[in-house]
Amino acid sequence: LGAIGQSPLTELNYTNPEVGFIFNILTEVNKDVQNEGWIFNTEYKVEVSPDSNKHIVIPANVLKYDKNGDHHDRRTNFVRRAGNLYDTLAAVPKDEFDDSVFLDIVWLFPFTQLPSAFQRYVIARASVRAATQLVSNPQLVQLLQTQEAQARATCMEYECQQGDHSFMG
């Protein structure tokens, strides 16, 4: 709210439509940022097992998933259907599995659990969106976009340092 010239809040009051609007923007931007898949919210080769009905339930906090090693094995294509893992490329498309499956998963974490660089990026990106939608001041939007770009650069630096990436993969 401060980025668009509004007073800060001491407590959340969702009866104020502007507060609810800003909260929704923050929630959406948090998902958008994490959906990119960063080192802090991506896990590889996670074993998931079928339940007693042979279904593999996909938790609500999973943003993306793919079969581990899928770039080598094109015999499966997993999607979410009715909250369960579903293979669209099986001889008969199926949502029942006899064995465990290994997935690469991008998780959605609450804002408070993000590394500080990503918290700042989410706030900066949400500020740009709020200023664009609520305030008709192009100079403010441009200033906030500069801050957003700087925050993203900090996230990229975090990613490179924590990810130990190399040219070899």
Foldseek 3Di string as FASTA:
>chain_A
DVLQPDDDDPDQDVVPVLSVVLVVLLVVLLLVVLLVPFPVFKDFFDKFAADPQQWGFDDPFWNDKDFHVCVPPVQFDWDADPRTTWTPNDPDIDRGHDGITTMITGGRDPLVPDPPLVNQLSVLVSSLVCCVPPPPDVVSNVVSVVSNVVSVVVRVVVRCVVVVDDPVD
